[in-house]
C-alpha atoms as a PDB file:
ATOM      1  CA  MET A   1     -62.386  -9.846  33.424  1.00  0.00           C
ATOM      2  CA  ALA A   2     -59.113 -10.963  31.038  1.00  0.00           C
ATOM      3  CA  LEU A   3     -56.696 -13.575  32.337  1.00  0.00           C
ATOM      4  CA  ARG A   4     -53.558 -11.588  33.592  1.00  0.00           C
ATOM      5  CA  THR A   5     -50.015 -13.239  32.031  1.00  0.00           C
ATOM      6  CA  CYS A   6     -49.868 -16.857  33.929  1.00  0.00           C
ATOM      7  CA  GLN A   7     -46.424 -16.520  35.546  1.00  0.00           C
ATOM      8  CA  ASN A   8     -46.509 -20.530  35.490  1.00  0.00           C
ATOM      9  CA  PHE A   9     -46.428 -20.806  31.528  1.00  0.00           C
ATOM     10  CA  ALA A  10     -42.877 -18.461  32.140  1.00  0.00           C
ATOM     11  CA  SER A  11     -41.180 -19.419  28.765  1.00  0.00           C
ATOM     12  CA  PRO A  12     -43.378 -22.041  26.953  1.00  0.00           C
ATOM     13  CA  PHE A  13     -43.364 -22.900  23.458  1.00  0.00           C
ATOM     14  CA  VAL A  14     -46.625 -23.849  22.369  1.00  0.00           C
ATOM     15  CA  SER A  15     -48.448 -25.527  18.958  1.00  0.00           C
ATOM     16  CA  SER A  16     -51.697 -23.677  18.627  1.00  0.00           C
ATOM     17  CA  ILE A  17     -54.953 -25.484  16.578  1.00  0.00           C
ATOM     18  CA  LYS A  18     -58.348 -24.830  15.385  1.00  0.00           C
ATOM     19  CA  LEU A  19     -61.076 -27.637  15.896  1.00  0.00           C
ATOM     20  CA  THR A  20     -63.671 -27.146  13.133  1.00  0.00           C
ATOM     21  CA  LYS A  21     -64.884 -30.009  11.390  1.00  0.00           C
ATOM     22  CA  LYS A  22     -64.179 -30.269   7.618  1.00  0.00           C
ATOM     23  CA  PRO A  23     -67.323 -30.178   5.262  1.00  0.00           C
ATOM     24  CA  ILE A  24     -69.226 -33.489   4.425  1.00  0.00           C
ATOM     25  CA  ARG A  25     -69.033 -33.764   0.431  1.00  0.00           C
ATOM     26  CA  ASN A  26     -72.357 -34.906  -0.137  1.00  0.00           C
ATOM     27  CA  PHE A  27     -73.878 -32.311   2.003  1.00  0.00           C
ATOM     28  CA  LYS A  28     -77.357 -30.878   1.059  1.00  0.00           C
ATOM     29  CA  ALA A  29     -77.164 -26.768   0.316  1.00  0.00           C
ATOM     30  CA  PRO A  30     -77.403 -24.981   3.469  1.00  0.00           C
ATOM     31  CA  VAL A  31     -80.774 -23.121   3.954  1.00  0.00           C
ATOM     32  CA  LYS A  32     -79.960 -19.555   2.584  1.00  0.00           C
ATOM     33  CA  ASN A  33     -79.826 -16.371   4.728  1.00  0.00           C
ATOM     34  CA  CYS A  34     -80.507 -18.344   8.645  1.00  0.00           C
ATOM     35  CA  GLN A  35     -77.353 -17.000  10.000  1.00  0.00           C
ATOM     36  CA  SER A  36     -78.401 -13.470   9.215  1.00  0.00           C
ATOM     37  CA  ASP A  37     -82.378 -13.945   9.499  1.00  0.00           C
ATOM     38  CA  PRO A  38     -83.167 -14.176  12.578  1.00  0.00           C
ATOM     39  CA  HIS A  39     -86.963 -15.352  11.828  1.00  0.00           C
ATOM     40  CA  GLU A  40     -85.902 -17.983   9.010  1.00  0.00           C
ATOM     41  CA  SER A  41     -83.629 -19.457  11.878  1.00  0.00           C
ATOM     42  CA  ARG A  42     -86.397 -19.403  14.489  1.00  0.00           C
ATOM     43  CA  LYS A  43     -88.542 -21.126  12.219  1.00  0.00           C
ATOM     44  CA  LEU A  44     -85.842 -23.974  11.627  1.00  0.00           C
ATOM     45  CA  VAL A  45     -85.792 -24.189  15.588  1.00  0.00           C
ATOM     46  CA  LEU A  46     -89.119 -24.780  16.208  1.00  0.00           C
ATOM     47  CA  GLN A  47     -89.334 -27.579  13.193  1.00  0.00           C
ATOM     48  CA  VAL A  48     -86.688 -29.360  14.839  1.00  0.00           C
ATOM     49  CA  LYS A  49     -88.274 -28.967  18.208  1.00  0.00           C
ATOM     50  CA  GLU A  50     -91.432 -30.208  17.180  1.00  0.00           C
ATOM     51  CA  ARG A  51     -89.457 -33.295  15.509  1.00  0.00           C
ATOM     52  CA  LEU A  52     -87.989 -33.760  18.768  1.00  0.00           C
ATOM     53  CA  GLU A  53     -91.156 -34.116  20.289  1.00  0.00           C
ATOM     54  CA  LYS A  54     -92.762 -36.090  18.125  1.00  0.00           C
ATOM     55  CA  ASP A  55     -90.222 -38.667  17.217  1.00  0.00           C
ATOM     56  CA  TYR A  56     -88.209 -38.618  20.546  1.00  0.00           C
ATOM     57  CA  ASN A  57     -90.887 -38.012  23.090  1.00  0.00           C
ATOM     58  CA  SER A  58     -88.487 -40.204  25.489  1.00  0.00           C
ATOM     59  CA  LEU A  59     -85.444 -37.774  25.527  1.00  0.00           C
ATOM     60  CA  PRO A  60     -85.723 -35.330  28.581  1.00  0.00           C
ATOM     61  CA  VAL A  61     -86.384 -31.972  28.500  1.00  0.00           C
ATOM     62  CA  GLY A  62     -85.470 -28.737  30.081  1.00  0.00           C
ATOM     63  CA  LYS A  63     -81.890 -27.008  29.606  1.00  0.00           C
ATOM     64  CA  ASN A  64     -80.352 -29.248  27.529  1.00  0.00           C
ATOM     65  CA  GLY A  65     -82.940 -31.433  26.579  1.00  0.00           C
ATOM     66  CA  ARG A  66     -85.131 -31.946  23.393  1.00  0.00           C
ATOM     67  CA  ASP A  67     -86.887 -28.374  24.085  1.00  0.00           C
ATOM     68  CA  ASP A  68     -84.059 -26.371  24.714  1.00  0.00           C
ATOM     69  CA  GLU A  69     -84.124 -24.067  21.826  1.00  0.00           C
ATOM     70  CA  ASP A  70     -80.235 -22.605  22.134  1.00  0.00           C
ATOM     71  CA  MET A  71     -79.033 -25.882  22.305  1.00  0.00           C
ATOM     72  CA  ILE A  72     -81.167 -26.365  19.015  1.00  0.00           C
ATOM     73  CA  LEU A  73     -79.754 -23.339  17.311  1.00  0.00           C
ATOM     74  CA  TRP A  74     -76.539 -24.276  18.207  1.00  0.00           C
ATOM     75  CA  PHE A  75     -76.615 -27.990  16.557  1.00  0.00           C
ATOM     76  CA  LEU A  76     -78.290 -26.251  13.686  1.00  0.00           C
ATOM     77  CA  LYS A  77     -75.667 -23.579  13.291  1.00  0.00           C
ATOM     78  CA  ASP A  78     -72.958 -26.788  13.774  1.00  0.00           C
ATOM     79  CA  ARG A  79     -74.913 -28.528  10.566  1.00  0.00           C
ATOM     80  CA  LYS A  80     -75.156 -25.853   8.507  1.00  0.00           C
ATOM     81  CA  PHE A  81     -79.068 -25.285   9.222  1.00  0.00           C
ATOM     82  CA  SER A  82     -79.558 -28.942   8.096  1.00  0.00           C
ATOM     83  CA  ILE A  83     -82.766 -30.467   9.781  1.00  0.00           C
ATOM     84  CA  GLU A  84     -82.168 -33.781   9.567  1.00  0.00           C
ATOM     85  CA  GLU A  85     -78.173 -33.635  10.271  1.00  0.00           C
ATOM     86  CA  SER A  86     -78.916 -31.407  13.105  1.00  0.00           C
ATOM     87  CA  LEU A  87     -81.475 -33.777  14.771  1.00  0.00           C
ATOM     88  CA  ALA A  88     -79.092 -36.972  14.377  1.00  0.00           C
ATOM     89  CA  LYS A  89     -76.992 -34.879  16.292  1.00  0.00           C
ATOM     90  CA  LEU A  90     -78.648 -33.382  18.593  1.00  0.00           C
ATOM     91  CA  THR A  91     -80.501 -36.729  19.711  1.00  0.00           C
ATOM     92  CA  LYS A  92     -76.967 -38.411  20.116  1.00  0.00           C
ATOM     93  CA  ALA A  93     -75.882 -35.617  22.218  1.00  0.00           C
ATOM     94  CA  ILE A  94     -79.000 -35.456  24.443  1.00  0.00           C
ATOM     95  CA  LYS A  95     -78.780 -39.154  24.844  1.00  0.00           C
ATOM     96  CA  TRP A  96     -75.326 -39.594  25.848  1.00  0.00           C
ATOM     97  CA  ARG A  97     -75.727 -36.728  28.400  1.00  0.00           C
ATOM     98  CA  GLN A  98     -78.540 -38.611  29.980  1.00  0.00           C
ATOM     99  CA  GLU A  99     -76.680 -41.981  30.174  1.00  0.00           C
ATOM    100  CA  PHE A 100     -73.647 -40.183  31.098  1.00  0.00           C
ATOM    101  CA  ARG A 101     -75.623 -38.320  33.808  1.00  0.00           C
ATOM    102  CA  VAL A 102     -74.009 -35.450  33.491  1.00  0.00           C
ATOM    103  CA  SER A 103     -76.223 -33.381  34.863  1.00  0.00           C
ATOM    104  CA  GLU A 104     -75.359 -34.973  38.059  1.00  0.00           C
ATOM    105  CA  LEU A 105     -71.689 -34.194  37.889  1.00  0.00           C
ATOM    106  CA  ASN A 106     -70.540 -31.754  40.994  1.00  0.00           C
ATOM    107  CA  GLU A 107     -67.749 -30.611  42.843  1.00  0.00           C
ATOM    108  CA  ASP A 108     -68.227 -33.418  45.366  1.00  0.00           C
ATOM    109  CA  SER A 109     -69.126 -36.479  42.493  1.00  0.00           C
ATOM    110  CA  VAL A 110     -65.489 -35.536  41.067  1.00  0.00           C
ATOM    111  CA  ARG A 111     -63.227 -34.272  44.219  1.00  0.00           C
ATOM    112  CA  GLY A 112     -61.153 -37.146  44.326  1.00  0.00           C
ATOM    113  CA  ILE A 113     -59.763 -37.581  40.930  1.00  0.00           C
ATOM    114  CA  ALA A 114     -59.693 -33.464  40.817  1.00  0.00           C
ATOM    115  CA  GLU A 115     -57.111 -33.616  43.890  1.00  0.00           C
ATOM    116  CA  SER A 116     -55.020 -34.868  41.529  1.00  0.00           C
ATOM    117  CA  GLY A 117     -54.563 -31.630  39.933  1.00  0.00           C
ATOM    118  CA  LYS A 118     -54.638 -32.575  36.299  1.00  0.00           C
ATOM    119  CA  ALA A 119     -56.903 -29.949  35.378  1.00  0.00           C
ATOM    120  CA  TYR A 120     -58.849 -26.885  36.251  1.00  0.00           C
ATOM    121  CA  VAL A 121     -60.802 -24.197  34.861  1.00  0.00           C
ATOM    122  CA  HIS A 122     -58.735 -20.970  35.424  1.00  0.00           C
ATOM    123  CA  ASP A 123     -60.469 -18.112  37.679  1.00  0.00           C
ATOM    124  CA  PHE A 124     -60.137 -15.266  34.446  1.00  0.00           C
ATOM    125  CA  LEU A 125     -60.869 -15.090  31.284  1.00  0.00           C
ATOM    126  CA  ASP A 126     -58.071 -14.873  28.396  1.00  0.00           C
ATOM    127  CA  ILE A 127     -57.723 -11.622  26.153  1.00  0.00           C
ATOM    128  CA  ASN A 128     -60.885 -12.917  23.871  1.00  0.00           C
ATOM    129  CA  GLU A 129     -63.021 -13.083  26.732  1.00  0.00           C
ATOM    130  CA  ARG A 130     -63.143 -16.786  26.690  1.00  0.00           C
ATOM    131  CA  PRO A 131     -63.160 -19.183  29.528  1.00  0.00           C
ATOM    132  CA  VAL A 132     -59.635 -21.214  30.037  1.00  0.00           C
ATOM    133  CA  LEU A 133     -59.480 -25.007  30.478  1.00  0.00           C
ATOM    134  CA  ILE A 134     -56.114 -25.953  31.802  1.00  0.00           C
ATOM    135  CA  VAL A 135     -54.939 -29.617  31.765  1.00  0.00           C
ATOM    136  CA  VAL A 136     -51.580 -30.787  33.519  1.00  0.00           C
ATOM    137  CA  ALA A 137     -50.534 -33.665  31.233  1.00  0.00           C
ATOM    138  CA  SER A 138     -47.626 -35.108  33.485  1.00  0.00           C
ATOM    139  CA  LYS A 139     -50.682 -35.837  36.393  1.00  0.00           C
ATOM    140  CA  HIS A 140     -52.419 -37.887  33.941  1.00  0.00           C
ATOM    141  CA  LEU A 141     -51.790 -41.181  34.887  1.00  0.00           C
ATOM    142  CA  PRO A 142     -53.954 -43.656  33.037  1.00  0.00           C
ATOM    143  CA  ALA A 143     -52.374 -46.892  34.769  1.00  0.00           C
ATOM    144  CA  VAL A 144     -53.043 -45.151  38.480  1.00  0.00           C
ATOM    145  CA  HIS A 145     -56.325 -43.336  38.143  1.00  0.00           C
ATOM    146  CA  ASP A 146     -60.020 -44.755  36.945  1.00  0.00           C
ATOM    147  CA  PRO A 147     -60.757 -43.951  33.554  1.00  0.00           C
ATOM    148  CA  VAL A 148     -64.035 -43.726  33.901  1.00  0.00           C
ATOM    149  CA  GLU A 149     -63.501 -41.066  36.611  1.00  0.00           C
ATOM    150  CA  ASP A 150     -61.288 -39.173  34.291  1.00  0.00           C
ATOM    151  CA  GLU A 151     -63.570 -39.068  31.911  1.00  0.00           C
ATOM    152  CA  LYS A 152     -66.323 -37.456  34.645  1.00  0.00           C
ATOM    153  CA  LEU A 153     -63.154 -35.350  35.708  1.00  0.00           C
ATOM    154  CA  CYS A 154     -63.182 -34.092  32.125  1.00  0.00           C
ATOM    155  CA  VAL A 155     -66.912 -33.514  31.355  1.00  0.00           C
ATOM    156  CA  PHE A 156     -67.468 -31.605  34.426  1.00  0.00           C
ATOM    157  CA  PHE A 157     -64.576 -28.930  33.795  1.00  0.00           C
ATOM    158  CA  ILE A 158     -65.681 -28.712  30.200  1.00  0.00           C
ATOM    159  CA  GLU A 159     -69.256 -27.943  31.620  1.00  0.00           C
ATOM    160  CA  LYS A 160     -68.054 -25.832  33.896  1.00  0.00           C
ATOM    161  CA  ALA A 161     -65.952 -24.038  31.723  1.00  0.00           C
ATOM    162  CA  LEU A 162     -69.193 -23.293  29.799  1.00  0.00           C
ATOM    163  CA  SER A 163     -71.133 -22.058  32.220  1.00  0.00           C
ATOM    164  CA  LYS A 164     -68.715 -19.009  32.372  1.00  0.00           C
ATOM    165  CA  LEU A 165     -68.898 -18.126  29.093  1.00  0.00           C
ATOM    166  CA  PRO A 166     -69.717 -14.052  28.864  1.00  0.00           C
ATOM    167  CA  PRO A 167     -72.878 -12.983  26.782  1.00  0.00           C
ATOM    168  CA  GLY A 168     -72.067 -13.133  23.370  1.00  0.00           C
ATOM    169  CA  LYS A 169     -69.014 -15.633  23.811  1.00  0.00           C
ATOM    170  CA  GLU A 170     -69.329 -18.955  22.400  1.00  0.00           C
ATOM    171  CA  GLN A 171     -65.992 -20.937  22.849  1.00  0.00           C
ATOM    172  CA  ILE A 172     -63.310 -21.599  25.493  1.00  0.00           C
ATOM    173  CA  LEU A 173     -59.752 -22.271  25.263  1.00  0.00           C
ATOM    174  CA  GLY A 174     -57.857 -24.980  26.092  1.00  0.00           C
ATOM    175  CA  ILE A 175     -54.397 -25.224  27.400  1.00  0.00           C
ATOM    176  CA  ILE A 176     -52.363 -28.308  27.933  1.00  0.00           C
ATOM    177  CA  ASP A 177     -49.482 -27.828  29.747  1.00  0.00           C
ATOM    178  CA  LEU A 178     -46.808 -30.795  28.480  1.00  0.00           C
ATOM    179  CA  ARG A 179     -43.913 -30.001  30.854  1.00  0.00           C
ATOM    180  CA  GLY A 180     -42.742 -33.415  32.570  1.00  0.00           C
ATOM    181  CA  PHE A 181     -44.708 -35.134  30.080  1.00  0.00           C
ATOM    182  CA  GLY A 182     -43.919 -38.460  29.810  1.00  0.00           C
ATOM    183  CA  THR A 183     -44.689 -42.045  28.162  1.00  0.00           C
ATOM    184  CA  GLU A 184     -46.805 -42.923  31.533  1.00  0.00           C
ATOM    185  CA  ASN A 185     -48.744 -40.014  30.399  1.00  0.00           C
ATOM    186  CA  ALA A 186     -49.531 -40.900  27.371  1.00  0.00           C
ATOM    187  CA  ASP A 187     -53.405 -42.239  27.057  1.00  0.00           C
ATOM    188  CA  LEU A 188     -54.449 -42.640  23.342  1.00  0.00           C
ATOM    189  CA  LYS A 189     -58.302 -43.671  24.653  1.00  0.00           C
ATOM    190  CA  PHE A 190     -59.000 -40.789  26.422  1.00  0.00           C
ATOM    191  CA  LEU A 191     -57.883 -38.480  23.813  1.00  0.00           C
ATOM    192  CA  THR A 192     -60.150 -40.357  21.840  1.00  0.00           C
ATOM    193  CA  PHE A 193     -63.284 -39.887  24.156  1.00  0.00           C
ATOM    194  CA  LEU A 194     -62.069 -36.378  24.720  1.00  0.00           C
ATOM    195  CA  PHE A 195     -62.297 -35.776  20.833  1.00  0.00           C
ATOM    196  CA  ASP A 196     -66.046 -37.452  20.966  1.00  0.00           C
ATOM    197  CA  VAL A 197     -66.891 -34.635  23.366  1.00  0.00           C
ATOM    198  CA  PHE A 198     -65.809 -31.712  21.201  1.00  0.00           C
ATOM    199  CA  TYR A 199     -67.143 -32.987  18.017  1.00  0.00           C
ATOM    200  CA  TYR A 200     -70.375 -34.774  18.686  1.00  0.00           C
ATOM    201  CA  TYR A 201     -71.550 -33.292  22.211  1.00  0.00           C
ATOM    202  CA  HIS A 202     -70.203 -30.072  22.222  1.00  0.00           C
ATOM    203  CA  PRO A 203     -69.412 -28.803  18.705  1.00  0.00           C
ATOM    204  CA  LYS A 204     -67.391 -25.663  18.097  1.00  0.00           C
ATOM    205  CA  ARG A 205     -67.393 -24.784  21.599  1.00  0.00           C
ATOM    206  CA  LEU A 206     -63.361 -25.560  21.740  1.00  0.00           C
ATOM    207  CA  GLY A 207     -62.132 -22.656  20.002  1.00  0.00           C
ATOM    208  CA  GLU A 208     -58.469 -23.470  20.212  1.00  0.00           C
ATOM    209  CA  VAL A 209     -56.090 -25.484  22.163  1.00  0.00           C
ATOM    210  CA  LEU A 210     -52.392 -24.586  23.116  1.00  0.00           C
ATOM    211  CA  PHE A 211     -49.695 -27.148  23.638  1.00  0.00           C
ATOM    212  CA  VAL A 212     -47.110 -25.666  26.184  1.00  0.00           C
ATOM    213  CA  GLU A 213     -43.609 -26.733  26.137  1.00  0.00           C
ATOM    214  CA  ALA A 214     -43.842 -30.025  24.298  1.00  0.00           C
ATOM    215  CA  PRO A 215     -41.295 -31.933  24.928  1.00  0.00           C
ATOM    216  CA  PHE A 216     -39.418 -34.629  22.380  1.00  0.00           C
ATOM    217  CA  VAL A 217     -41.091 -37.515  24.160  1.00  0.00           C
ATOM    218  CA  PHE A 218     -44.395 -36.033  23.063  1.00  0.00           C
ATOM    219  CA  LYS A 219     -43.700 -36.328  19.136  1.00  0.00           C
ATOM    220  CA  PRO A 220     -44.320 -40.037  18.748  1.00  0.00           C
ATOM    221  CA  PHE A 221     -47.591 -39.500  20.899  1.00  0.00           C
ATOM    222  CA  TRP A 222     -48.351 -36.649  18.482  1.00  0.00           C
ATOM    223  CA  GLN A 223     -47.895 -38.650  15.435  1.00  0.00           C
ATOM    224  CA  LEU A 224     -50.381 -40.800  16.760  1.00  0.00           C
ATOM    225  CA  THR A 225     -53.023 -38.308  17.464  1.00  0.00           C
ATOM    226  CA  LYS A 226     -53.000 -36.564  14.308  1.00  0.00           C
ATOM    227  CA  PRO A 227     -54.557 -38.962  12.061  1.00  0.00           C
ATOM    228  CA  LEU A 228     -56.915 -39.146  14.660  1.00  0.00           C
ATOM    229  CA  LEU A 229     -57.474 -35.518  15.192  1.00  0.00           C
ATOM    230  CA  LYS A 230     -57.405 -35.085  11.621  1.00  0.00           C
ATOM    231  CA  SER A 231     -60.867 -37.478  11.346  1.00  0.00           C
ATOM    232  CA  TYR A 232     -62.282 -34.592  13.298  1.00  0.00           C
ATOM    233  CA  ALA A 233     -60.754 -31.828  12.216  1.00  0.00           C
ATOM    234  CA  SER A 234     -58.730 -29.576   9.983  1.00  0.00           C
ATOM    235  CA  LEU A 235     -55.394 -28.414  11.655  1.00  0.00           C
ATOM    236  CA  LYS A 236     -55.043 -24.574  10.885  1.00  0.00           C
ATOM    237  CA  PRO A 237     -52.603 -22.335  12.748  1.00  0.00           C
ATOM    238  CA  SER A 238     -54.316 -19.723  14.652  1.00  0.00           C
ATOM    239  CA  GLY A 239     -54.158 -16.133  15.921  1.00  0.00           C
ATOM    240  CA  ARG A 240     -56.073 -12.802  16.564  1.00  0.00           C
ATOM    241  CA  ASN A 241     -56.734 -12.103  12.761  1.00  0.00           C
ATOM    242  CA  ILE A 242     -53.245 -12.182  11.640  1.00  0.00           C
ATOM    243  CA  SER A 243     -51.704 -14.685   8.960  1.00  0.00           C
ATOM    244  CA  LEU A 244     -49.155 -17.545   9.830  1.00  0.00           C
ATOM    245  CA  LYS A 245     -46.624 -15.672   8.008  1.00  0.00           C
ATOM    246  CA  GLN A 246     -46.941 -12.400  10.006  1.00  0.00           C
ATOM    247  CA  ARG A 247     -46.768 -14.699  13.179  1.00  0.00           C
ATOM    248  CA  CYS A 248     -43.759 -16.654  12.281  1.00  0.00           C
ATOM    249  CA  GLN A 249     -42.070 -12.963  11.052  1.00  0.00           C
ATOM    250  CA  THR A 250     -42.768 -11.562  14.811  1.00  0.00           C
ATOM    251  CA  THR A 251     -42.023 -14.701  16.747  1.00  0.00           C
ATOM    252  CA  LEU A 252     -38.775 -16.167  15.267  1.00  0.00           C
ATOM    253  CA  GLU A 253     -35.420 -14.619  15.828  1.00  0.00           C
ATOM    254  CA  SER A 254     -34.221 -12.927  12.536  1.00  0.00           C
ATOM    255  CA  ARG A 255     -31.851 -16.077  11.860  1.00  0.00           C
ATOM    256  CA  LEU A 256     -34.467 -18.125  11.565  1.00  0.00           C
ATOM    257  CA  LEU A 257     -36.933 -16.304   9.440  1.00  0.00           C
ATOM    258  CA  VAL A 258     -37.972 -18.208   6.349  1.00  0.00           C
ATOM    259  CA  LYS A 259     -38.777 -17.233   2.322  1.00  0.00           C
ATOM    260  CA  SER A 260     -42.038 -18.692   2.312  1.00  0.00           C
ATOM    261  CA  LEU A 261     -45.425 -19.978   4.145  1.00  0.00           C
ATOM    262  CA  HIS A 262     -44.450 -23.052   3.654  1.00  0.00           C
ATOM    263  CA  SER A 263     -41.107 -22.964   4.675  1.00  0.00           C
ATOM    264  CA  CYS A 264     -42.130 -21.232   7.803  1.00  0.00           C
ATOM    265  CA  LEU A 265     -44.577 -24.088   8.509  1.00  0.00           C
ATOM    266  CA  ALA A 266     -41.756 -26.412   8.055  1.00  0.00           C
ATOM    267  CA  ALA A 267     -39.388 -24.442  10.277  1.00  0.00           C
ATOM    268  CA  LEU A 268     -41.580 -23.814  13.236  1.00  0.00           C
ATOM    269  CA  ALA A 269     -43.221 -27.345  13.074  1.00  0.00           C
ATOM    270  CA  GLY A 270     -46.335 -26.022  14.779  1.00  0.00           C
ATOM    271  CA  LEU A 271     -44.666 -24.044  17.827  1.00  0.00           C
ATOM    272  CA  ILE A 272     -44.235 -20.598  18.764  1.00  0.00           C
ATOM    273  CA  PHE A 273     -42.840 -18.700  21.353  1.00  0.00           C
ATOM    274  CA  ALA A 274     -43.745 -17.938  24.909  1.00  0.00           C
ATOM    275  CA  GLN A 275     -44.203 -14.256  24.164  1.00  0.00           C
ATOM    276  CA  THR A 276     -46.504 -14.828  21.270  1.00  0.00           C
ATOM    277  CA  VAL A 277     -48.843 -16.570  23.555  1.00  0.00           C
ATOM    278  CA  LYS A 278     -48.542 -13.740  25.997  1.00  0.00           C
ATOM    279  CA  THR A 279     -49.055 -11.113  23.134  1.00  0.00           C
ATOM    280  CA  TYR A 280     -52.013 -12.801  21.815  1.00  0.00           C
ATOM    281  CA  TYR A 281     -53.790 -14.785  24.352  1.00  0.00           C
ATOM    282  CA  PHE A 282     -53.424 -12.621  27.880  1.00  0.00           C
ATOM    283  CA  VAL A 283     -53.180  -9.142  29.180  1.00  0.00           C
ATOM    284  CA  GLU A 284     -49.884  -7.828  30.837  1.00  0.00           C
ATOM    285  CA  GLY A 285     -50.798  -6.677  33.912  1.00  0.00           C
ATOM    286  CA  LEU A 286     -53.665  -4.585  34.714  1.00  0.00           C
END
């Protein structure tokens, strides 16, 4: 079921980014036709699985373990079917899951910090049938809350969102509600942890992030964040198969229309109107 227009986001401005790691310059040529040839990709999955069993026998098995073929295939896709790079990233992810005790996280284990209301997984999917993870930034208080508990809550909700992926869907949508955001809510250390989770341990699972009603005080924090973000990802304005210029033309009032894509970017500074969010991310009523 698609998500209805959320009344809590009645009039937000939203900044939209996609997270896709930049290609490595010294990257070896990917295996040809793996994406389109299930037989070839299957062969590589088995090769990685055998290597993991031989060289990393101490790693756990089962779901999200060294013999999880779906997980192996996902990391192969992420690493453009490079066996060595996939092995390196897979082992790092599996070890992290084991050390972080991801499988032990549940509603009871995060209940205390979850009661802060700083994050939740929406009951419905977005218009693209993606699970929606919502973060209320004003309720994140690093000076008050235990950072370890924050990290556990973060991972728990990511796992929960991913568990709601419909068949054939692979990514989730993140919505960061920045209304009421203040300097006391800024937490670069936690943000670094979050980037690590989505790049190293859940690569390409976060399809898009929407920043809702970013206040002026958020700008300095965003300036600090951008270099860190760029080290993981290339920033690209997103939409449902429309160009940024088209989006600008459909969302800005006529007096704000610009003559070129470059000036459009400068005028918007990455912000779009609420109606665009409703149109491109949510279903209007039933």
